[in-house]
């Protein structure tokens, strides 16, 4: 085999599709399998029910998919024998603070919806469906008392995204399948949000998982830590390691070519 054929193939980055949801959930589940928060704390029974942890990510994807301020990206590879696409990495970005929007020149799928747009009804319907699905098919890998711990911590962090940082592209989740790690895929998925933030002249932000702080700093989140996900009295994440908040502060808006 020649040296050129043994090199990793380039992995395209594209917008996620509705049909990618299950593969995206599996990718995130595997990427966070040993993470202190999403793995050990939220999913202590994942070894016994190895595919149930996918449900946690799937339901988050299904709800936020219909929130037009959220953007999902994937990197993909092609299975050599069948030609089928394999989702190798996932990024979930959200535009905080309103305004802005996603330009046609970017990869983002849509601009914010007008208040009268009937598609606004899809988000509450998706939330209702997720609640029903949780009741009908519970996530057996999860600790029921911890499954919503992220959501219960949100109010403790509101003060961080204020002032000039109120408008921000926030990296909600980033994960690469273990067998595809160390190929630069995570950096590609991060760079999309940094570029979009620069186009709009707003900040970019992330809450780093434990042990991933240096990775995000090297990607360009060069301000911080400016806070921690577990800060504040009675915060349910108080004893969870990691969770440092990093920013790349707003730069001058880049004009379209």
C-alpha atoms as a PDB file:
ATOM      1  CA  UNK A   1       0.000   0.000   0.000  1.00  0.00           C
ATOM      2  CA  UNK A   2       1.388   3.400  -0.924  1.00  0.00           C
ATOM      3  CA  UNK A   3       1.933   6.069   1.692  1.00  0.00           C
ATOM      4  CA  UNK A   4      -0.660   8.305   0.044  1.00  0.00           C
ATOM      5  CA  UNK A   5      -3.425   5.679   0.279  1.00  0.00           C
ATOM      6  CA  UNK A   6      -2.772   5.165   3.983  1.00  0.00           C
ATOM      7  CA  UNK A   7      -3.444   8.798   4.850  1.00  0.00           C
ATOM      8  CA  UNK A   8      -6.824   9.614   6.461  1.00  0.00           C
ATOM      9  CA  UNK A   9      -9.377  10.699   3.871  1.00  0.00           C
ATOM     10  CA  UNK A  10     -10.705  14.259   4.069  1.00  0.00           C
ATOM     11  CA  UNK A  11     -13.976  14.440   5.961  1.00  0.00           C
ATOM     12  CA  UNK A  12     -16.495  16.942   4.558  1.00  0.00           C
ATOM     13  CA  UNK A  13     -18.380  19.280   6.844  1.00  0.00           C
ATOM     14  CA  UNK A  14     -22.016  20.020   6.065  1.00  0.00           C
ATOM     15  CA  UNK A  15     -25.298  21.000   7.640  1.00  0.00           C
ATOM     16  CA  UNK A  16     -26.999  18.146   9.438  1.00  0.00           C
ATOM     17  CA  UNK A  17     -30.109  16.628   7.906  1.00  0.00           C
ATOM     18  CA  UNK A  18     -33.233  15.358   9.604  1.00  0.00           C
ATOM     19  CA  UNK A  19     -32.210  11.833   8.627  1.00  0.00           C
ATOM     20  CA  UNK A  20     -28.919  12.256  10.524  1.00  0.00           C
ATOM     21  CA  UNK A  21     -30.559  12.521  13.954  1.00  0.00           C
ATOM     22  CA  UNK A  22     -29.981   8.949  15.142  1.00  0.00           C
ATOM     23  CA  UNK A  23     -26.373   8.919  13.912  1.00  0.00           C
ATOM     24  CA  UNK A  24     -25.723  12.293  15.525  1.00  0.00           C
ATOM     25  CA  UNK A  25     -27.084  11.051  18.845  1.00  0.00           C
ATOM     26  CA  UNK A  26     -24.905   7.952  18.692  1.00  0.00           C
ATOM     27  CA  UNK A  27     -21.838  10.021  17.854  1.00  0.00           C
ATOM     28  CA  UNK A  28     -22.389  12.325  20.837  1.00  0.00           C
ATOM     29  CA  UNK A  29     -23.117   9.399  23.142  1.00  0.00           C
ATOM     30  CA  UNK A  30     -19.833   7.720  22.215  1.00  0.00           C
ATOM     31  CA  UNK A  31     -17.862  10.971  22.331  1.00  0.00           C
ATOM     32  CA  UNK A  32     -19.058  11.714  25.885  1.00  0.00           C
ATOM     33  CA  UNK A  33     -19.042   8.104  27.109  1.00  0.00           C
ATOM     34  CA  UNK A  34     -16.332   8.687  29.723  1.00  0.00           C
ATOM     35  CA  UNK A  35     -17.063  12.368  30.359  1.00  0.00           C
ATOM     36  CA  UNK A  36     -17.486  13.142  34.044  1.00  0.00           C
ATOM     37  CA  UNK A  37     -20.807  14.945  33.512  1.00  0.00           C
ATOM     38  CA  UNK A  38     -22.600  13.401  30.535  1.00  0.00           C
ATOM     39  CA  UNK A  39     -21.101   9.973  31.072  1.00  0.00           C
ATOM     40  CA  UNK A  40     -20.520   9.151  34.728  1.00  0.00           C
ATOM     41  CA  UNK A  41     -22.965  11.538  36.422  1.00  0.00           C
ATOM     42  CA  UNK A  42     -25.949  11.620  34.080  1.00  0.00           C
ATOM     43  CA  UNK A  43     -25.586   8.091  32.679  1.00  0.00           C
ATOM     44  CA  UNK A  44     -24.254   5.801  35.439  1.00  0.00           C
ATOM     45  CA  UNK A  45     -26.016   2.760  33.892  1.00  0.00           C
ATOM     46  CA  UNK A  46     -24.698   3.224  30.355  1.00  0.00           C
ATOM     47  CA  UNK A  47     -22.689  -0.031  30.426  1.00  0.00           C
ATOM     48  CA  UNK A  48     -25.863  -1.977  31.200  1.00  0.00           C
ATOM     49  CA  UNK A  49     -27.936  -0.096  28.607  1.00  0.00           C
ATOM     50  CA  UNK A  50     -25.325   1.061  26.087  1.00  0.00           C
ATOM     51  CA  UNK A  51     -27.745   2.479  23.520  1.00  0.00           C
ATOM     52  CA  UNK A  52     -30.164   4.160  25.893  1.00  0.00           C
ATOM     53  CA  UNK A  53     -27.774   7.065  26.404  1.00  0.00           C
ATOM     54  CA  UNK A  54     -28.393   7.883  22.735  1.00  0.00           C
ATOM     55  CA  UNK A  55     -31.924   8.872  23.756  1.00  0.00           C
ATOM     56  CA  UNK A  56     -30.590  11.736  25.867  1.00  0.00           C
ATOM     57  CA  UNK A  57     -28.873  13.308  22.868  1.00  0.00           C
ATOM     58  CA  UNK A  58     -31.595  12.393  20.388  1.00  0.00           C
ATOM     59  CA  UNK A  59     -34.283  14.200  22.365  1.00  0.00           C
ATOM     60  CA  UNK A  60     -32.131  17.296  22.748  1.00  0.00           C
ATOM     61  CA  UNK A  61     -31.508  17.287  19.007  1.00  0.00           C
ATOM     62  CA  UNK A  62     -35.181  16.745  18.206  1.00  0.00           C
ATOM     63  CA  UNK A  63     -36.260  19.724  20.308  1.00  0.00           C
ATOM     64  CA  UNK A  64     -33.560  22.180  19.265  1.00  0.00           C
ATOM     65  CA  UNK A  65     -33.849  21.171  15.612  1.00  0.00           C
ATOM     66  CA  UNK A  66     -37.037  23.245  15.441  1.00  0.00           C
ATOM     67  CA  UNK A  67     -35.550  26.233  17.259  1.00  0.00           C
ATOM     68  CA  UNK A  68     -34.432  28.440  14.407  1.00  0.00           C
ATOM     69  CA  UNK A  69     -31.590  30.004  16.402  1.00  0.00           C
ATOM     70  CA  UNK A  70     -29.843  26.615  16.557  1.00  0.00           C
ATOM     71  CA  UNK A  71     -27.581  25.111  13.897  1.00  0.00           C
ATOM     72  CA  UNK A  72     -26.364  21.515  13.700  1.00  0.00           C
ATOM     73  CA  UNK A  73     -23.286  20.580  11.688  1.00  0.00           C
ATOM     74  CA  UNK A  74     -21.756  17.201  10.966  1.00  0.00           C
ATOM     75  CA  UNK A  75     -18.571  15.844   9.506  1.00  0.00           C
ATOM     76  CA  UNK A  76     -19.024  12.707   7.439  1.00  0.00           C
ATOM     77  CA  UNK A  77     -16.988   9.882   5.992  1.00  0.00           C
ATOM     78  CA  UNK A  78     -18.001   7.384   3.308  1.00  0.00           C
ATOM     79  CA  UNK A  79     -18.109   3.662   3.951  1.00  0.00           C
ATOM     80  CA  UNK A  80     -15.882   2.138   1.256  1.00  0.00           C
ATOM     81  CA  UNK A  81     -17.899  -0.984   0.465  1.00  0.00           C
ATOM     82  CA  UNK A  82     -21.433   0.477   0.498  1.00  0.00           C
ATOM     83  CA  UNK A  83     -20.794   4.150  -0.214  1.00  0.00           C
ATOM     84  CA  UNK A  84     -23.018   5.082   2.725  1.00  0.00           C
ATOM     85  CA  UNK A  85     -22.222   8.200   4.739  1.00  0.00           C
ATOM     86  CA  UNK A  86     -20.996   7.846   8.307  1.00  0.00           C
ATOM     87  CA  UNK A  87     -21.495  10.746  10.707  1.00  0.00           C
ATOM     88  CA  UNK A  88     -18.100  11.189  12.346  1.00  0.00           C
ATOM     89  CA  UNK A  89     -18.531  14.455  14.266  1.00  0.00           C
ATOM     90  CA  UNK A  90     -21.287  16.771  15.471  1.00  0.00           C
ATOM     91  CA  UNK A  91     -21.433  20.426  16.476  1.00  0.00           C
ATOM     92  CA  UNK A  92     -24.504  22.111  17.931  1.00  0.00           C
ATOM     93  CA  UNK A  93     -24.303  25.915  17.817  1.00  0.00           C
ATOM     94  CA  UNK A  94     -26.910  28.402  19.022  1.00  0.00           C
ATOM     95  CA  UNK A  95     -27.200  32.152  18.467  1.00  0.00           C
ATOM     96  CA  UNK A  96     -27.749  33.811  21.839  1.00  0.00           C
ATOM     97  CA  UNK A  97     -29.086  37.317  22.329  1.00  0.00           C
ATOM     98  CA  UNK A  98     -31.288  37.606  19.264  1.00  0.00           C
ATOM     99  CA  UNK A  99     -30.649  39.643  16.183  1.00  0.00           C
ATOM    100  CA  UNK A 100     -28.003  38.799  13.671  1.00  0.00           C
ATOM    101  CA  UNK A 101     -29.112  35.714  11.884  1.00  0.00           C
ATOM    102  CA  UNK A 102     -27.448  33.448   9.453  1.00  0.00           C
ATOM    103  CA  UNK A 103     -26.384  34.716   6.087  1.00  0.00           C
ATOM    104  CA  UNK A 104     -27.031  33.011   2.785  1.00  0.00           C
ATOM    105  CA  UNK A 105     -23.305  32.979   2.143  1.00  0.00           C
ATOM    106  CA  UNK A 106     -22.690  30.727   5.149  1.00  0.00           C
ATOM    107  CA  UNK A 107     -23.546  27.103   5.831  1.00  0.00           C
ATOM    108  CA  UNK A 108     -26.383  28.064   8.149  1.00  0.00           C
ATOM    109  CA  UNK A 109     -29.838  26.982   7.005  1.00  0.00           C
ATOM    110  CA  UNK A 110     -32.091  29.862   7.857  1.00  0.00           C
ATOM    111  CA  UNK A 111     -32.480  33.333   9.290  1.00  0.00           C
ATOM    112  CA  UNK A 112     -34.591  33.990  12.426  1.00  0.00           C
ATOM    113  CA  UNK A 113     -38.312  33.577  11.832  1.00  0.00           C
ATOM    114  CA  UNK A 114     -40.802  36.411  11.977  1.00  0.00           C
ATOM    115  CA  UNK A 115     -43.177  36.263  14.943  1.00  0.00           C
ATOM    116  CA  UNK A 116     -46.105  35.430  12.642  1.00  0.00           C
ATOM    117  CA  UNK A 117     -44.345  32.558  10.851  1.00  0.00           C
ATOM    118  CA  UNK A 118     -46.345  29.311  11.345  1.00  0.00           C
ATOM    119  CA  UNK A 119     -43.103  27.352  11.716  1.00  0.00           C
ATOM    120  CA  UNK A 120     -42.795  28.848  15.208  1.00  0.00           C
ATOM    121  CA  UNK A 121     -45.428  26.304  16.290  1.00  0.00           C
ATOM    122  CA  UNK A 122     -43.036  23.435  15.612  1.00  0.00           C
ATOM    123  CA  UNK A 123     -40.864  24.103  18.666  1.00  0.00           C
ATOM    124  CA  UNK A 124     -43.588  23.649  21.329  1.00  0.00           C
ATOM    125  CA  UNK A 125     -44.819  20.587  19.447  1.00  0.00           C
ATOM    126  CA  UNK A 126     -41.295  19.143  19.486  1.00  0.00           C
ATOM    127  CA  UNK A 127     -41.027  19.774  23.230  1.00  0.00           C
ATOM    128  CA  UNK A 128     -44.340  18.029  23.824  1.00  0.00           C
ATOM    129  CA  UNK A 129     -43.242  15.084  21.701  1.00  0.00           C
ATOM    130  CA  UNK A 130     -39.944  14.795  23.613  1.00  0.00           C
ATOM    131  CA  UNK A 131     -41.780  14.815  26.948  1.00  0.00           C
ATOM    132  CA  UNK A 132     -44.140  12.093  25.730  1.00  0.00           C
ATOM    133  CA  UNK A 133     -41.274  10.032  24.338  1.00  0.00           C
ATOM    134  CA  UNK A 134     -39.415  10.299  27.654  1.00  0.00           C
ATOM    135  CA  UNK A 135     -42.442   8.913  29.468  1.00  0.00           C
ATOM    136  CA  UNK A 136     -43.080   6.211  26.881  1.00  0.00           C
ATOM    137  CA  UNK A 137     -39.455   5.087  26.538  1.00  0.00           C
ATOM    138  CA  UNK A 138     -37.355   6.231  29.503  1.00  0.00           C
ATOM    139  CA  UNK A 139     -33.584   6.442  29.262  1.00  0.00           C
ATOM    140  CA  UNK A 140     -32.574   3.483  31.422  1.00  0.00           C
ATOM    141  CA  UNK A 141     -28.884   4.456  31.284  1.00  0.00           C
ATOM    142  CA  UNK A 142     -29.603   7.719  33.097  1.00  0.00           C
ATOM    143  CA  UNK A 143     -30.047   8.630  36.736  1.00  0.00           C
ATOM    144  CA  UNK A 144     -33.564  10.150  36.684  1.00  0.00           C
ATOM    145  CA  UNK A 145     -32.567  12.666  39.338  1.00  0.00           C
ATOM    146  CA  UNK A 146     -29.656  13.902  37.213  1.00  0.00           C
ATOM    147  CA  UNK A 147     -31.018  13.711  33.666  1.00  0.00           C
ATOM    148  CA  UNK A 148     -32.104  17.371  33.672  1.00  0.00           C
ATOM    149  CA  UNK A 149     -29.180  18.694  35.714  1.00  0.00           C
ATOM    150  CA  UNK A 150     -27.912  20.841  32.836  1.00  0.00           C
ATOM    151  CA  UNK A 151     -31.241  22.594  32.438  1.00  0.00           C
ATOM    152  CA  UNK A 152     -31.464  23.235  36.191  1.00  0.00           C
ATOM    153  CA  UNK A 153     -28.106  25.020  36.133  1.00  0.00           C
ATOM    154  CA  UNK A 154     -28.932  27.532  33.382  1.00  0.00           C
ATOM    155  CA  UNK A 155     -30.258  30.303  35.605  1.00  0.00           C
ATOM    156  CA  UNK A 156     -26.974  30.466  37.539  1.00  0.00           C
ATOM    157  CA  UNK A 157     -25.090  31.523  34.412  1.00  0.00           C
ATOM    158  CA  UNK A 158     -27.275  34.295  33.007  1.00  0.00           C
ATOM    159  CA  UNK A 159     -24.910  36.997  34.285  1.00  0.00           C
ATOM    160  CA  UNK A 160     -22.061  35.736  32.077  1.00  0.00           C
ATOM    161  CA  UNK A 161     -23.788  36.451  28.754  1.00  0.00           C
ATOM    162  CA  UNK A 162     -24.472  40.142  29.372  1.00  0.00           C
ATOM    163  CA  UNK A 163     -23.195  43.466  28.067  1.00  0.00           C
ATOM    164  CA  UNK A 164     -21.020  43.102  24.977  1.00  0.00           C
ATOM    165  CA  UNK A 165     -21.221  39.317  25.360  1.00  0.00           C
ATOM    166  CA  UNK A 166     -25.026  39.136  25.339  1.00  0.00           C
ATOM    167  CA  UNK A 167     -24.955  38.371  21.633  1.00  0.00           C
ATOM    168  CA  UNK A 168     -22.900  35.271  21.046  1.00  0.00           C
ATOM    169  CA  UNK A 169     -22.627  32.121  19.006  1.00  0.00           C
ATOM    170  CA  UNK A 170     -22.549  29.501  21.754  1.00  0.00           C
ATOM    171  CA  UNK A 171     -21.196  25.988  21.219  1.00  0.00           C
ATOM    172  CA  UNK A 172     -23.834  23.836  22.918  1.00  0.00           C
ATOM    173  CA  UNK A 173     -22.163  20.505  22.160  1.00  0.00           C
ATOM    174  CA  UNK A 174     -19.216  19.128  20.212  1.00  0.00           C
ATOM    175  CA  UNK A 175     -18.388  15.478  19.775  1.00  0.00           C
ATOM    176  CA  UNK A 176     -16.309  13.270  17.462  1.00  0.00           C
ATOM    177  CA  UNK A 177     -16.597   9.497  17.284  1.00  0.00           C
ATOM    178  CA  UNK A 178     -13.599   7.965  19.110  1.00  0.00           C
ATOM    179  CA  UNK A 179     -12.189   6.229  16.022  1.00  0.00           C
ATOM    180  CA  UNK A 180     -12.148   9.560  14.148  1.00  0.00           C
ATOM    181  CA  UNK A 181     -10.575  11.683  16.855  1.00  0.00           C
ATOM    182  CA  UNK A 182      -7.188  13.413  16.458  1.00  0.00           C
ATOM    183  CA  UNK A 183      -7.846  14.205  12.783  1.00  0.00           C
ATOM    184  CA  UNK A 184      -8.799  17.853  13.206  1.00  0.00           C
ATOM    185  CA  UNK A 185     -12.546  17.293  12.848  1.00  0.00           C
ATOM    186  CA  UNK A 186     -13.387  19.013  16.125  1.00  0.00           C
ATOM    187  CA  UNK A 187     -11.446  22.087  15.068  1.00  0.00           C
ATOM    188  CA  UNK A 188     -13.357  22.253  11.782  1.00  0.00           C
ATOM    189  CA  UNK A 189     -16.671  22.121  13.605  1.00  0.00           C
ATOM    190  CA  UNK A 190     -15.535  24.810  16.033  1.00  0.00           C
ATOM    191  CA  UNK A 191     -14.221  27.051  13.283  1.00  0.00           C
ATOM    192  CA  UNK A 192     -17.641  27.324  11.676  1.00  0.00           C
ATOM    193  CA  UNK A 193     -19.028  29.106  14.740  1.00  0.00           C
ATOM    194  CA  UNK A 194     -15.984  31.328  15.136  1.00  0.00           C
ATOM    195  CA  UNK A 195     -16.293  32.394  11.509  1.00  0.00           C
ATOM    196  CA  UNK A 196     -20.021  33.032  11.827  1.00  0.00           C
ATOM    197  CA  UNK A 197     -19.491  35.128  14.952  1.00  0.00           C
ATOM    198  CA  UNK A 198     -16.851  37.182  13.169  1.00  0.00           C
ATOM    199  CA  UNK A 199     -19.169  37.783  10.214  1.00  0.00           C
ATOM    200  CA  UNK A 200     -21.787  39.174  12.562  1.00  0.00           C
ATOM    201  CA  UNK A 201     -19.408  41.067  14.823  1.00  0.00           C
ATOM    202  CA  UNK A 202     -20.469  39.157  17.948  1.00  0.00           C
ATOM    203  CA  UNK A 203     -18.678  36.940  20.450  1.00  0.00           C
ATOM    204  CA  UNK A 204     -18.326  33.168  20.434  1.00  0.00           C
ATOM    205  CA  UNK A 205     -18.530  31.157  23.652  1.00  0.00           C
ATOM    206  CA  UNK A 206     -18.237  27.663  25.056  1.00  0.00           C
ATOM    207  CA  UNK A 207     -18.417  25.791  28.354  1.00  0.00           C
ATOM    208  CA  UNK A 208     -15.473  23.396  28.233  1.00  0.00           C
ATOM    209  CA  UNK A 209     -15.841  19.809  29.386  1.00  0.00           C
ATOM    210  CA  UNK A 210     -13.356  18.731  32.028  1.00  0.00           C
ATOM    211  CA  UNK A 211      -9.958  18.285  30.388  1.00  0.00           C
ATOM    212  CA  UNK A 212     -10.899  20.061  27.144  1.00  0.00           C
ATOM    213  CA  UNK A 213      -9.937  23.579  28.208  1.00  0.00           C
ATOM    214  CA  UNK A 214      -6.656  23.693  26.280  1.00  0.00           C
ATOM    215  CA  UNK A 215      -8.326  22.371  23.135  1.00  0.00           C
ATOM    216  CA  UNK A 216     -10.827  25.224  23.082  1.00  0.00           C
ATOM    217  CA  UNK A 217      -8.192  27.815  23.871  1.00  0.00           C
ATOM    218  CA  UNK A 218      -6.075  26.576  20.961  1.00  0.00           C
ATOM    219  CA  UNK A 219      -9.152  26.702  18.712  1.00  0.00           C
ATOM    220  CA  UNK A 220      -9.504  30.425  19.386  1.00  0.00           C
ATOM    221  CA  UNK A 221     -11.507  30.842  22.590  1.00  0.00           C
ATOM    222  CA  UNK A 222      -8.762  33.041  23.980  1.00  0.00           C
ATOM    223  CA  UNK A 223     -10.606  34.943  26.739  1.00  0.00           C
ATOM    224  CA  UNK A 224     -11.204  33.285  30.068  1.00  0.00           C
ATOM    225  CA  UNK A 225     -12.112  31.432  31.982  1.00  0.00           C
ATOM    226  CA  UNK A 226     -14.719  34.070  32.795  1.00  0.00           C
ATOM    227  CA  UNK A 227     -16.902  31.778  34.889  1.00  0.00           C
ATOM    228  CA  UNK A 228     -17.780  28.181  35.676  1.00  0.00           C
ATOM    229  CA  UNK A 229     -20.924  26.176  35.042  1.00  0.00           C
ATOM    230  CA  UNK A 230     -21.098  25.162  38.704  1.00  0.00           C
ATOM    231  CA  UNK A 231     -20.857  28.633  40.221  1.00  0.00           C
ATOM    232  CA  UNK A 232     -23.556  30.092  42.433  1.00  0.00           C
ATOM    233  CA  UNK A 233     -25.187  28.934  45.643  1.00  0.00           C
ATOM    234  CA  UNK A 234     -27.285  25.770  45.249  1.00  0.00           C
ATOM    235  CA  UNK A 235     -26.120  25.220  41.681  1.00  0.00           C
ATOM    236  CA  UNK A 236     -26.644  21.479  40.961  1.00  0.00           C
ATOM    237  CA  UNK A 237     -23.321  21.396  39.075  1.00  0.00           C
ATOM    238  CA  UNK A 238     -21.327  22.821  42.002  1.00  0.00           C
ATOM    239  CA  UNK A 239     -19.332  19.628  42.600  1.00  0.00           C
ATOM    240  CA  UNK A 240     -18.848  18.666  38.959  1.00  0.00           C
ATOM    241  CA  UNK A 241     -15.270  19.191  37.690  1.00  0.00           C
ATOM    242  CA  UNK A 242     -14.693  21.303  34.611  1.00  0.00           C
ATOM    243  CA  UNK A 243     -17.287  23.600  33.125  1.00  0.00           C
ATOM    244  CA  UNK A 244     -15.016  26.613  32.616  1.00  0.00           C
ATOM    245  CA  UNK A 245     -16.506  29.291  30.365  1.00  0.00           C
ATOM    246  CA  UNK A 246     -14.382  30.722  27.550  1.00  0.00           C
ATOM    247  CA  UNK A 247     -15.063  33.420  24.960  1.00  0.00           C
ATOM    248  CA  UNK A 248     -13.650  34.788  21.829  1.00  0.00           C
ATOM    249  CA  UNK A 249     -14.785  38.378  22.119  1.00  0.00           C
ATOM    250  CA  UNK A 250     -16.452  40.238  19.287  1.00  0.00           C
ATOM    251  CA  UNK A 251     -14.354  41.454  16.411  1.00  0.00           C
ATOM    252  CA  UNK A 252     -15.211  43.983  13.733  1.00  0.00           C
ATOM    253  CA  UNK A 253     -17.945  42.677  11.448  1.00  0.00           C
ATOM    254  CA  UNK A 254     -16.572  41.220   8.240  1.00  0.00           C
ATOM    255  CA  UNK A 255     -18.253  42.559   5.114  1.00  0.00           C
ATOM    256  CA  UNK A 256     -19.424  40.049   2.556  1.00  0.00           C
ATOM    257  CA  UNK A 257     -17.221  39.773  -0.480  1.00  0.00           C
END
